[in-house]
């Protein structure tokens, strides 16, 4: 299976990432099929630059994005073009407080 994932590049404590299409069995920084873009979280605002046509092509072929890549695709608008709808996240649940049941008389 082909996965769309981030590959770490850059110096120590200066991380930036490349978006690559890679076999799911290969290691994070190992062999890959194609470079599809890059992501630099250290800039303000973070730099996200993807080859949109190639990403859509891989998604159309059945490549599965990792969770972090999917969030980047949603924020860049590519996921909406692929799926035809916005990604909807469930609302966070309020913390549950345990209350003692009311005593009946």
PDB file of N, CA and C in Angstrom:
ATOM      1  N   UNK A   1       0.839  -1.165   0.000  1.00  0.00           N
ATOM      2  CA  UNK A   1       0.000   0.000   0.000  1.00  0.00           C
ATOM      3  C   UNK A   1       0.893   1.240   0.000  1.00  0.00           C
ATOM      4  N   UNK A   2       0.488   2.234  -0.752  1.00  0.00           N
ATOM      5  CA  UNK A   2       1.227   3.498  -0.809  1.00  0.00           C
ATOM      6  C   UNK A   2       0.632   4.461   0.208  1.00  0.00           C
ATOM      7  N   UNK A   3       1.512   5.116   0.954  1.00  0.00           N
ATOM      8  CA  UNK A   3       1.098   6.106   1.947  1.00  0.00           C
ATOM      9  C   UNK A   3       1.662   7.460   1.560  1.00  0.00           C
ATOM     10  N   UNK A   4       0.895   8.505   1.804  1.00  0.00           N
ATOM     11  CA  UNK A   4       1.396   9.870   1.692  1.00  0.00           C
ATOM     12  C   UNK A   4       1.805  10.264   3.096  1.00  0.00           C
ATOM     13  N   UNK A   5       3.091  10.557   3.276  1.00  0.00           N
ATOM     14  CA  UNK A   5       3.571  10.855   4.620  1.00  0.00           C
ATOM     15  C   UNK A   5       4.651  11.904   4.601  1.00  0.00           C
ATOM     16  N   UNK A   6       4.996  12.388   5.797  1.00  0.00           N
ATOM     17  CA  UNK A   6       6.028  13.399   5.938  1.00  0.00           C
ATOM     18  C   UNK A   6       7.372  12.731   6.180  1.00  0.00           C
ATOM     19  N   UNK A   7       8.389  13.241   5.499  1.00  0.00           N
ATOM     20  CA  UNK A   7       9.754  12.759   5.671  1.00  0.00           C
ATOM     21  C   UNK A   7      10.551  13.896   6.276  1.00  0.00           C
ATOM     22  N   UNK A   8      11.222  13.641   7.396  1.00  0.00           N
ATOM     23  CA  UNK A   8      11.951  14.698   8.100  1.00  0.00           C
ATOM     24  C   UNK A   8      13.250  15.018   7.385  1.00  0.00           C
ATOM     25  N   UNK A   9      13.500  16.299   7.172  1.00  0.00           N
ATOM     26  CA  UNK A   9      14.765  16.776   6.615  1.00  0.00           C
ATOM     27  C   UNK A   9      15.196  17.974   7.448  1.00  0.00           C
ATOM     28  N   UNK A  10      16.407  18.433   7.271  1.00  0.00           N
ATOM     29  CA  UNK A  10      16.893  19.585   8.014  1.00  0.00           C
ATOM     30  C   UNK A  10      17.852  19.185   9.112  1.00  0.00           C
ATOM     31  N   UNK A  11      18.451  20.186   9.697  1.00  0.00           N
ATOM     32  CA  UNK A  11      19.429  19.941  10.752  1.00  0.00           C
ATOM     33  C   UNK A  11      18.754  19.598  12.073  1.00  0.00           C
ATOM     34  N   UNK A  12      19.584  19.238  13.026  1.00  0.00           N
ATOM     35  CA  UNK A  12      19.085  18.944  14.364  1.00  0.00           C
ATOM     36  C   UNK A  12      18.408  20.185  14.933  1.00  0.00           C
ATOM     37  N   UNK A  13      17.215  20.025  15.463  1.00  0.00           N
ATOM     38  CA  UNK A  13      16.389  21.089  16.038  1.00  0.00           C
ATOM     39  C   UNK A  13      15.965  22.137  15.006  1.00  0.00           C
ATOM     40  N   UNK A  14      16.126  21.850  13.729  1.00  0.00           N
ATOM     41  CA  UNK A  14      15.714  22.747  12.645  1.00  0.00           C
ATOM     42  C   UNK A  14      14.878  21.954  11.642  1.00  0.00           C
ATOM     43  N   UNK A  15      13.950  21.186  12.119  1.00  0.00           N
ATOM     44  CA  UNK A  15      13.218  20.242  11.281  1.00  0.00           C
ATOM     45  C   UNK A  15      12.314  20.936  10.269  1.00  0.00           C
ATOM     46  N   UNK A  16      12.314  20.400   9.071  1.00  0.00           N
ATOM     47  CA  UNK A  16      11.303  20.692   8.074  1.00  0.00           C
ATOM     48  C   UNK A  16      10.970  19.344   7.451  1.00  0.00           C
ATOM     49  N   UNK A  17       9.915  19.294   6.672  1.00  0.00           N
ATOM     50  CA  UNK A  17       9.434  18.008   6.194  1.00  0.00           C
ATOM     51  C   UNK A  17       9.137  18.052   4.710  1.00  0.00           C
ATOM     52  N   UNK A  18       9.295  16.916   4.050  1.00  0.00           N
ATOM     53  CA  UNK A  18       8.874  16.740   2.671  1.00  0.00           C
ATOM     54  C   UNK A  18       7.668  15.819   2.671  1.00  0.00           C
ATOM     55  N   UNK A  19       6.705  16.119   1.826  1.00  0.00           N
ATOM     56  CA  UNK A  19       5.578  15.212   1.621  1.00  0.00           C
ATOM     57  C   UNK A  19       5.991  14.250   0.527  1.00  0.00           C
ATOM     58  N   UNK A  20       5.966  12.956   0.826  1.00  0.00           N
ATOM     59  CA  UNK A  20       6.380  11.951  -0.144  1.00  0.00           C
ATOM     60  C   UNK A  20       5.325  10.858  -0.255  1.00  0.00           C
ATOM     61  N   UNK A  21       5.325  10.208  -1.403  1.00  0.00           N
ATOM     62  CA  UNK A  21       4.557   8.986  -1.590  1.00  0.00           C
ATOM     63  C   UNK A  21       5.542   7.848  -1.367  1.00  0.00           C
ATOM     64  N   UNK A  22       5.255   6.958  -0.441  1.00  0.00           N
ATOM     65  CA  UNK A  22       6.179   5.886  -0.093  1.00  0.00           C
ATOM     66  C   UNK A  22       5.407   4.613   0.203  1.00  0.00           C
ATOM     67  N   UNK A  23       6.089   3.483   0.062  1.00  0.00           N
ATOM     68  CA  UNK A  23       5.501   2.210   0.448  1.00  0.00           C
ATOM     69  C   UNK A  23       5.310   2.216   1.956  1.00  0.00           C
ATOM     70  N   UNK A  24       4.220   1.674   2.430  1.00  0.00           N
ATOM     71  CA  UNK A  24       3.900   1.696   3.858  1.00  0.00           C
ATOM     72  C   UNK A  24       4.927   0.943   4.688  1.00  0.00           C
ATOM     73  N   UNK A  25       5.643  -0.012   4.079  1.00  0.00           N
ATOM     74  CA  UNK A  25       6.612  -0.814   4.830  1.00  0.00           C
ATOM     75  C   UNK A  25       7.973  -0.136   4.969  1.00  0.00           C
ATOM     76  N   UNK A  26       8.237   0.917   4.205  1.00  0.00           N
ATOM     77  CA  UNK A  26       9.533   1.578   4.279  1.00  0.00           C
ATOM     78  C   UNK A  26       9.583   2.506   5.496  1.00  0.00           C
ATOM     79  N   UNK A  27      10.787   2.737   6.060  1.00  0.00           N
ATOM     80  CA  UNK A  27      10.891   3.590   7.251  1.00  0.00           C
ATOM     81  C   UNK A  27      10.594   5.053   6.935  1.00  0.00           C
ATOM     82  N   UNK A  28      10.403   5.838   7.992  1.00  0.00           N
ATOM     83  CA  UNK A  28      10.008   7.240   7.843  1.00  0.00           C
ATOM     84  C   UNK A  28      10.925   8.022   6.907  1.00  0.00           C
ATOM     85  N   UNK A  29      12.222   7.905   7.089  1.00  0.00           N
ATOM     86  CA  UNK A  29      13.177   8.649   6.264  1.00  0.00           C
ATOM     87  C   UNK A  29      13.827   7.758   5.217  1.00  0.00           C
ATOM     88  N   UNK A  30      13.203   6.631   4.917  1.00  0.00           N
ATOM     89  CA  UNK A  30      13.761   5.665   3.974  1.00  0.00           C
ATOM     90  C   UNK A  30      13.337   5.924   2.543  1.00  0.00           C
ATOM     91  N   UNK A  31      13.267   4.843   1.790  1.00  0.00           N
ATOM     92  CA  UNK A  31      12.967   4.902   0.372  1.00  0.00           C
ATOM     93  C   UNK A  31      11.570   5.467   0.113  1.00  0.00           C
ATOM     94  N   UNK A  32      11.444   6.247  -0.942  1.00  0.00           N
ATOM     95  CA  UNK A  32      10.156   6.814  -1.311  1.00  0.00           C
ATOM     96  C   UNK A  32       9.997   6.746  -2.822  1.00  0.00           C
ATOM     97  N   UNK A  33       8.798   6.962  -3.292  1.00  0.00           N
ATOM     98  CA  UNK A  33       8.496   6.880  -4.714  1.00  0.00           C
ATOM     99  C   UNK A  33       8.621   8.252  -5.377  1.00  0.00           C
ATOM    100  N   UNK A  34       8.026   9.279  -4.739  1.00  0.00           N
ATOM    101  CA  UNK A  34       7.997  10.607  -5.352  1.00  0.00           C
ATOM    102  C   UNK A  34       7.874  11.682  -4.278  1.00  0.00           C
ATOM    103  N   UNK A  35       8.544  12.812  -4.484  1.00  0.00           N
ATOM    104  CA  UNK A  35       8.395  13.975  -3.606  1.00  0.00           C
ATOM    105  C   UNK A  35       7.207  14.793  -4.115  1.00  0.00           C
ATOM    106  N   UNK A  36       6.277  15.092  -3.216  1.00  0.00           N
ATOM    107  CA  UNK A  36       5.049  15.777  -3.604  1.00  0.00           C
ATOM    108  C   UNK A  36       4.960  17.199  -3.062  1.00  0.00           C
ATOM    109  N   UNK A  37       5.889  17.613  -2.232  1.00  0.00           N
ATOM    110  CA  UNK A  37       5.851  18.967  -1.697  1.00  0.00           C
ATOM    111  C   UNK A  37       6.673  19.070  -0.435  1.00  0.00           C
ATOM    112  N   UNK A  38       6.549  20.195   0.262  1.00  0.00           N
ATOM    113  CA  UNK A  38       7.254  20.356   1.530  1.00  0.00           C
ATOM    114  C   UNK A  38       6.420  21.152   2.519  1.00  0.00           C
ATOM    115  N   UNK A  39       6.808  21.012   3.798  1.00  0.00           N
ATOM    116  CA  UNK A  39       6.119  21.646   4.915  1.00  0.00           C
ATOM    117  C   UNK A  39       7.169  22.101   5.910  1.00  0.00           C
ATOM    118  N   UNK A  40       7.124  23.387   6.262  1.00  0.00           N
ATOM    119  CA  UNK A  40       8.061  23.922   7.246  1.00  0.00           C
ATOM    120  C   UNK A  40       7.268  24.557   8.380  1.00  0.00           C
ATOM    121  N   UNK A  41       7.195  23.874   9.533  1.00  0.00           N
ATOM    122  CA  UNK A  41       6.413  24.407  10.644  1.00  0.00           C
ATOM    123  C   UNK A  41       7.133  25.524  11.400  1.00  0.00           C
ATOM    124  N   UNK A  42       8.403  25.779  11.098  1.00  0.00           N
ATOM    125  CA  UNK A  42       9.190  26.737  11.854  1.00  0.00           C
ATOM    126  C   UNK A  42       9.013  28.174  11.367  1.00  0.00           C
ATOM    127  N   UNK A  43       8.401  28.379  10.220  1.00  0.00           N
ATOM    128  CA  UNK A  43       8.169  29.737   9.747  1.00  0.00           C
ATOM    129  C   UNK A  43       6.868  30.268  10.348  1.00  0.00           C
ATOM    130  N   UNK A  44       6.668  31.580  10.255  1.00  0.00           N
ATOM    131  CA  UNK A  44       5.446  32.155  10.791  1.00  0.00           C
ATOM    132  C   UNK A  44       4.738  32.914   9.695  1.00  0.00           C
ATOM    133  N   UNK A  45       3.652  32.465   9.137  1.00  0.00           N
ATOM    134  CA  UNK A  45       2.923  31.217   9.373  1.00  0.00           C
ATOM    135  C   UNK A  45       3.647  30.028   8.743  1.00  0.00           C
ATOM    136  N   UNK A  46       3.328  28.811   9.156  1.00  0.00           N
ATOM    137  CA  UNK A  46       3.997  27.628   8.600  1.00  0.00           C
ATOM    138  C   UNK A  46       3.842  27.549   7.078  1.00  0.00           C
ATOM    139  N   UNK A  47       4.930  27.162   6.405  1.00  0.00           N
ATOM    140  CA  UNK A  47       4.930  27.051   4.953  1.00  0.00           C
ATOM    141  C   UNK A  47       4.432  25.678   4.535  1.00  0.00           C
ATOM    142  N   UNK A  48       3.408  25.650   3.701  1.00  0.00           N
ATOM    143  CA  UNK A  48       2.874  24.400   3.157  1.00  0.00           C
ATOM    144  C   UNK A  48       2.817  24.564   1.649  1.00  0.00           C
ATOM    145  N   UNK A  49       3.598  23.778   0.927  1.00  0.00           N
ATOM    146  CA  UNK A  49       3.632  23.870  -0.527  1.00  0.00           C
ATOM    147  C   UNK A  49       3.577  22.465  -1.098  1.00  0.00           C
ATOM    148  N   UNK A  50       2.453  22.134  -1.742  1.00  0.00           N
ATOM    149  CA  UNK A  50       2.255  20.805  -2.309  1.00  0.00           C
ATOM    150  C   UNK A  50       2.036  20.899  -3.809  1.00  0.00           C
ATOM    151  N   UNK A  51       2.451  19.871  -4.544  1.00  0.00           N
ATOM    152  CA  UNK A  51       2.133  19.744  -5.962  1.00  0.00           C
ATOM    153  C   UNK A  51       0.727  19.157  -6.027  1.00  0.00           C
ATOM    154  N   UNK A  52      -0.245  20.053  -6.132  1.00  0.00           N
ATOM    155  CA  UNK A  52      -1.645  19.664  -5.992  1.00  0.00           C
ATOM    156  C   UNK A  52      -2.065  18.586  -6.989  1.00  0.00           C
ATOM    157  N   UNK A  53      -1.653  18.729  -8.251  1.00  0.00           N
ATOM    158  CA  UNK A  53      -2.069  17.754  -9.256  1.00  0.00           C
ATOM    159  C   UNK A  53      -1.502  16.368  -8.975  1.00  0.00           C
ATOM    160  N   UNK A  54      -0.269  16.291  -8.480  1.00  0.00           N
ATOM    161  CA  UNK A  54       0.345  14.997  -8.166  1.00  0.00           C
ATOM    162  C   UNK A  54      -0.285  14.375  -6.911  1.00  0.00           C
ATOM    163  N   UNK A  55      -0.596  15.204  -5.915  1.00  0.00           N
ATOM    164  CA  UNK A  55      -1.234  14.698  -4.692  1.00  0.00           C
ATOM    165  C   UNK A  55      -2.606  14.129  -5.038  1.00  0.00           C
ATOM    166  N   UNK A  56      -3.384  14.867  -5.850  1.00  0.00           N
ATOM    167  CA  UNK A  56      -4.707  14.377  -6.245  1.00  0.00           C
ATOM    168  C   UNK A  56      -4.598  13.097  -7.068  1.00  0.00           C
ATOM    169  N   UNK A  57      -3.553  12.998  -7.897  1.00  0.00           N
ATOM    170  CA  UNK A  57      -3.341  11.786  -8.687  1.00  0.00           C
ATOM    171  C   UNK A  57      -3.078  10.584  -7.784  1.00  0.00           C
ATOM    172  N   UNK A  58      -2.214  10.755  -6.778  1.00  0.00           N
ATOM    173  CA  UNK A  58      -1.917   9.646  -5.859  1.00  0.00           C
ATOM    174  C   UNK A  58      -3.139   9.273  -5.032  1.00  0.00           C
ATOM    175  N   UNK A  59      -3.895  10.260  -4.573  1.00  0.00           N
ATOM    176  CA  UNK A  59      -5.108   9.956  -3.817  1.00  0.00           C
ATOM    177  C   UNK A  59      -6.107   9.204  -4.689  1.00  0.00           C
ATOM    178  N   UNK A  60      -6.193   9.582  -5.952  1.00  0.00           N
ATOM    179  CA  UNK A  60      -7.079   8.898  -6.881  1.00  0.00           C
ATOM    180  C   UNK A  60      -6.672   7.460  -7.139  1.00  0.00           C
ATOM    181  N   UNK A  61      -5.376   7.179  -7.013  1.00  0.00           N
ATOM    182  CA  UNK A  61      -4.870   5.819  -7.203  1.00  0.00           C
ATOM    183  C   UNK A  61      -5.017   4.970  -5.947  1.00  0.00           C
ATOM    184  N   UNK A  62      -5.486   5.564  -4.854  1.00  0.00           N
ATOM    185  CA  UNK A  62      -5.724   4.794  -3.634  1.00  0.00           C
ATOM    186  C   UNK A  62      -4.688   4.975  -2.548  1.00  0.00           C
ATOM    187  N   UNK A  63      -3.787   5.942  -2.687  1.00  0.00           N
ATOM    188  CA  UNK A  63      -2.791   6.187  -1.636  1.00  0.00           C
ATOM    189  C   UNK A  63      -3.497   6.712  -0.389  1.00  0.00           C
ATOM    190  N   UNK A  64      -3.051   6.262   0.777  1.00  0.00           N
ATOM    191  CA  UNK A  64      -3.654   6.647   2.045  1.00  0.00           C
ATOM    192  C   UNK A  64      -2.782   7.678   2.743  1.00  0.00           C
ATOM    193  N   UNK A  65      -3.304   8.856   3.076  1.00  0.00           N
ATOM    194  CA  UNK A  65      -2.503   9.837   3.809  1.00  0.00           C
ATOM    195  C   UNK A  65      -2.439   9.477   5.293  1.00  0.00           C
ATOM    196  N   UNK A  66      -1.324   9.835   5.928  1.00  0.00           N
ATOM    197  CA  UNK A  66      -1.246   9.681   7.373  1.00  0.00           C
ATOM    198  C   UNK A  66      -2.137  10.742   8.005  1.00  0.00           C
ATOM    199  N   UNK A  67      -2.346  10.644   9.294  1.00  0.00           N
ATOM    200  CA  UNK A  67      -3.225  11.575   9.981  1.00  0.00           C
ATOM    201  C   UNK A  67      -2.723  13.018   9.867  1.00  0.00           C
ATOM    202  N   UNK A  68      -1.417  13.220  10.066  1.00  0.00           N
ATOM    203  CA  UNK A  68      -0.871  14.569   9.996  1.00  0.00           C
ATOM    204  C   UNK A  68      -0.919  15.125   8.574  1.00  0.00           C
ATOM    205  N   UNK A  69      -0.682  14.280   7.581  1.00  0.00           N
ATOM    206  CA  UNK A  69      -0.758  14.728   6.189  1.00  0.00           C
ATOM    207  C   UNK A  69      -2.194  15.078   5.839  1.00  0.00           C
ATOM    208  N   UNK A  70      -3.143  14.301   6.313  1.00  0.00           N
ATOM    209  CA  UNK A  70      -4.544  14.584   6.022  1.00  0.00           C
ATOM    210  C   UNK A  70      -4.954  15.937   6.585  1.00  0.00           C
ATOM    211  N   UNK A  71      -4.485  16.277   7.782  1.00  0.00           N
ATOM    212  CA  UNK A  71      -4.787  17.582   8.363  1.00  0.00           C
ATOM    213  C   UNK A  71      -4.194  18.703   7.520  1.00  0.00           C
ATOM    214  N   UNK A  72      -2.982  18.502   6.987  1.00  0.00           N
ATOM    215  CA  UNK A  72      -2.373  19.504   6.115  1.00  0.00           C
ATOM    216  C   UNK A  72      -3.139  19.633   4.803  1.00  0.00           C
ATOM    217  N   UNK A  73      -3.617  18.514   4.271  1.00  0.00           N
ATOM    218  CA  UNK A  73      -4.391  18.550   3.038  1.00  0.00           C
ATOM    219  C   UNK A  73      -5.721  19.274   3.248  1.00  0.00           C
ATOM    220  N   UNK A  74      -6.325  19.081   4.406  1.00  0.00           N
ATOM    221  CA  UNK A  74      -7.574  19.772   4.723  1.00  0.00           C
ATOM    222  C   UNK A  74      -7.318  21.269   4.817  1.00  0.00           C
ATOM    223  N   UNK A  75      -6.245  21.671   5.514  1.00  0.00           N
ATOM    224  CA  UNK A  75      -5.967  23.097   5.694  1.00  0.00           C
ATOM    225  C   UNK A  75      -5.589  23.777   4.387  1.00  0.00           C
ATOM    226  N   UNK A  76      -5.000  23.031   3.446  1.00  0.00           N
ATOM    227  CA  UNK A  76      -4.617  23.629   2.170  1.00  0.00           C
ATOM    228  C   UNK A  76      -5.735  23.569   1.133  1.00  0.00           C
ATOM    229  N   UNK A  77      -6.828  22.875   1.426  1.00  0.00           N
ATOM    230  CA  UNK A  77      -7.970  22.815   0.526  1.00  0.00           C
ATOM    231  C   UNK A  77      -7.912  21.679  -0.493  1.00  0.00           C
ATOM    232  N   UNK A  78      -6.848  20.905  -0.500  1.00  0.00           N
ATOM    233  CA  UNK A  78      -6.709  19.809  -1.460  1.00  0.00           C
ATOM    234  C   UNK A  78      -7.674  18.675  -1.129  1.00  0.00           C
ATOM    235  N   UNK A  79      -7.897  18.420   0.149  1.00  0.00           N
ATOM    236  CA  UNK A  79      -8.779  17.320   0.551  1.00  0.00           C
ATOM    237  C   UNK A  79     -10.205  17.559   0.063  1.00  0.00           C
ATOM    238  N   UNK A  80     -10.650  18.824   0.095  1.00  0.00           N
ATOM    239  CA  UNK A  80     -11.997  19.146  -0.369  1.00  0.00           C
ATOM    240  C   UNK A  80     -12.120  18.877  -1.869  1.00  0.00           C
ATOM    241  N   UNK A  81     -11.081  19.185  -2.622  1.00  0.00           N
ATOM    242  CA  UNK A  81     -11.109  18.906  -4.058  1.00  0.00           C
ATOM    243  C   UNK A  81     -11.142  17.412  -4.337  1.00  0.00           C
ATOM    244  N   UNK A  82     -10.486  16.634  -3.484  1.00  0.00           N
ATOM    245  CA  UNK A  82     -10.454  15.184  -3.673  1.00  0.00           C
ATOM    246  C   UNK A  82     -11.782  14.542  -3.293  1.00  0.00           C
ATOM    247  N   UNK A  83     -12.282  14.858  -2.109  1.00  0.00           N
ATOM    248  CA  UNK A  83     -13.472  14.177  -1.605  1.00  0.00           C
ATOM    249  C   UNK A  83     -14.771  14.884  -1.975  1.00  0.00           C
ATOM    250  N   UNK A  84     -14.694  16.157  -2.333  1.00  0.00           N
ATOM    251  CA  UNK A  84     -15.891  16.897  -2.677  1.00  0.00           C
ATOM    252  C   UNK A  84     -16.646  17.437  -1.489  1.00  0.00           C
ATOM    253  N   UNK A  85     -16.115  17.252  -0.295  1.00  0.00           N
ATOM    254  CA  UNK A  85     -16.786  17.783   0.896  1.00  0.00           C
ATOM    255  C   UNK A  85     -15.738  18.171   1.928  1.00  0.00           C
ATOM    256  N   UNK A  86     -16.160  19.036   2.843  1.00  0.00           N
ATOM    257  CA  UNK A  86     -15.278  19.463   3.917  1.00  0.00           C
ATOM    258  C   UNK A  86     -15.122  18.346   4.937  1.00  0.00           C
ATOM    259  N   UNK A  87     -13.983  18.326   5.579  1.00  0.00           N
ATOM    260  CA  UNK A  87     -13.740  17.371   6.647  1.00  0.00           C
ATOM    261  C   UNK A  87     -14.414  17.911   7.900  1.00  0.00           C
ATOM    262  N   UNK A  88     -15.245  17.123   8.523  1.00  0.00           N
ATOM    263  CA  UNK A  88     -15.957  17.556   9.717  1.00  0.00           C
ATOM    264  C   UNK A  88     -15.390  16.798  10.906  1.00  0.00           C
ATOM    265  N   UNK A  89     -14.940  17.550  11.881  1.00  0.00           N
ATOM    266  CA  UNK A  89     -14.392  16.953  13.094  1.00  0.00           C
ATOM    267  C   UNK A  89     -15.467  16.958  14.161  1.00  0.00           C
ATOM    268  N   UNK A  90     -15.569  15.907  14.965  1.00  0.00           N
ATOM    269  CA  UNK A  90     -16.572  15.898  16.028  1.00  0.00           C
ATOM    270  C   UNK A  90     -16.234  16.952  17.082  1.00  0.00           C
ATOM    271  N   UNK A  91     -17.263  17.531  17.663  1.00  0.00           N
ATOM    272  CA  UNK A  91     -17.060  18.537  18.706  1.00  0.00           C
ATOM    273  C   UNK A  91     -16.433  17.871  19.921  1.00  0.00           C
ATOM    274  N   UNK A  92     -15.497  18.560  20.573  1.00  0.00           N
ATOM    275  CA  UNK A  92     -14.897  17.963  21.767  1.00  0.00           C
ATOM    276  C   UNK A  92     -15.938  17.806  22.864  1.00  0.00           C
ATOM    277  N   UNK A  93     -15.864  16.693  23.547  1.00  0.00           N
ATOM    278  CA  UNK A  93     -16.822  16.416  24.608  1.00  0.00           C
ATOM    279  C   UNK A  93     -16.398  17.127  25.878  1.00  0.00           C
ATOM    280  N   UNK A  94     -17.397  17.595  26.616  1.00  0.00           N
ATOM    281  CA  UNK A  94     -17.126  18.246  27.897  1.00  0.00           C
ATOM    282  C   UNK A  94     -16.654  17.184  28.888  1.00  0.00           C
ATOM    283  N   UNK A  95     -15.752  17.563  29.786  1.00  0.00           N
ATOM    284  CA  UNK A  95     -15.308  16.580  30.776  1.00  0.00           C
ATOM    285  C   UNK A  95     -16.482  16.077  31.601  1.00  0.00           C
ATOM    286  N   UNK A  96     -16.442  14.815  31.857  1.00  0.00           N
ATOM    287  CA  UNK A  96     -17.545  14.175  32.571  1.00  0.00           C
ATOM    288  C   UNK A  96     -17.328  14.301  34.074  1.00  0.00           C
ATOM    289  N   UNK A  97     -18.325  14.797  34.745  1.00  0.00           N
ATOM    290  CA  UNK A  97     -18.241  14.911  36.195  1.00  0.00           C
ATOM    291  C   UNK A  97     -19.216  13.911  36.810  1.00  0.00           C
ATOM    292  N   UNK A  98     -18.719  13.218  37.773  1.00  0.00           N
ATOM    293  CA  UNK A  98     -19.547  12.215  38.443  1.00  0.00           C
ATOM    294  C   UNK A  98     -20.280  12.874  39.594  1.00  0.00           C
ATOM    295  N   UNK A  99     -21.583  12.863  39.504  1.00  0.00           N
ATOM    296  CA  UNK A  99     -22.402  13.407  40.569  1.00  0.00           C
ATOM    297  C   UNK A  99     -23.140  12.278  41.265  1.00  0.00           C
ATOM    298  N   UNK A 100     -23.283  12.409  42.531  1.00  0.00           N
ATOM    299  CA  UNK A 100     -24.014  11.394  43.296  1.00  0.00           C
ATOM    300  C   UNK A 100     -25.486  11.493  42.940  1.00  0.00           C
ATOM    301  N   UNK A 101     -26.149  10.347  42.754  1.00  0.00           N
ATOM    302  CA  UNK A 101     -27.581  10.410  42.434  1.00  0.00           C
ATOM    303  C   UNK A 101     -28.360  11.007  43.597  1.00  0.00           C
ATOM    304  N   UNK A 102     -29.397  11.745  43.240  1.00  0.00           N
ATOM    305  CA  UNK A 102     -30.228  12.389  44.275  1.00  0.00           C
ATOM    306  C   UNK A 102     -30.937  11.295  45.091  1.00  0.00           C
ATOM    307  N   UNK A 103     -30.922  11.468  46.406  1.00  0.00           N
ATOM    308  CA  UNK A 103     -31.564  10.482  47.278  1.00  0.00           C
ATOM    309  C   UNK A 103     -33.075  10.703  47.249  1.00  0.00           C
ATOM    310  N   UNK A 104     -33.771   9.605  47.177  1.00  0.00           N
ATOM    311  CA  UNK A 104     -35.222   9.701  47.185  1.00  0.00           C
ATOM    312  C   UNK A 104     -35.746   9.498  48.593  1.00  0.00           C
ATOM    313  N   UNK A 105     -36.798  10.231  48.940  1.00  0.00           N
ATOM    314  CA  UNK A 105     -37.341  10.148  50.289  1.00  0.00           C
ATOM    315  C   UNK A 105     -38.325   9.052  50.453  1.00  0.00           C
TER     316      UNK A 105
END
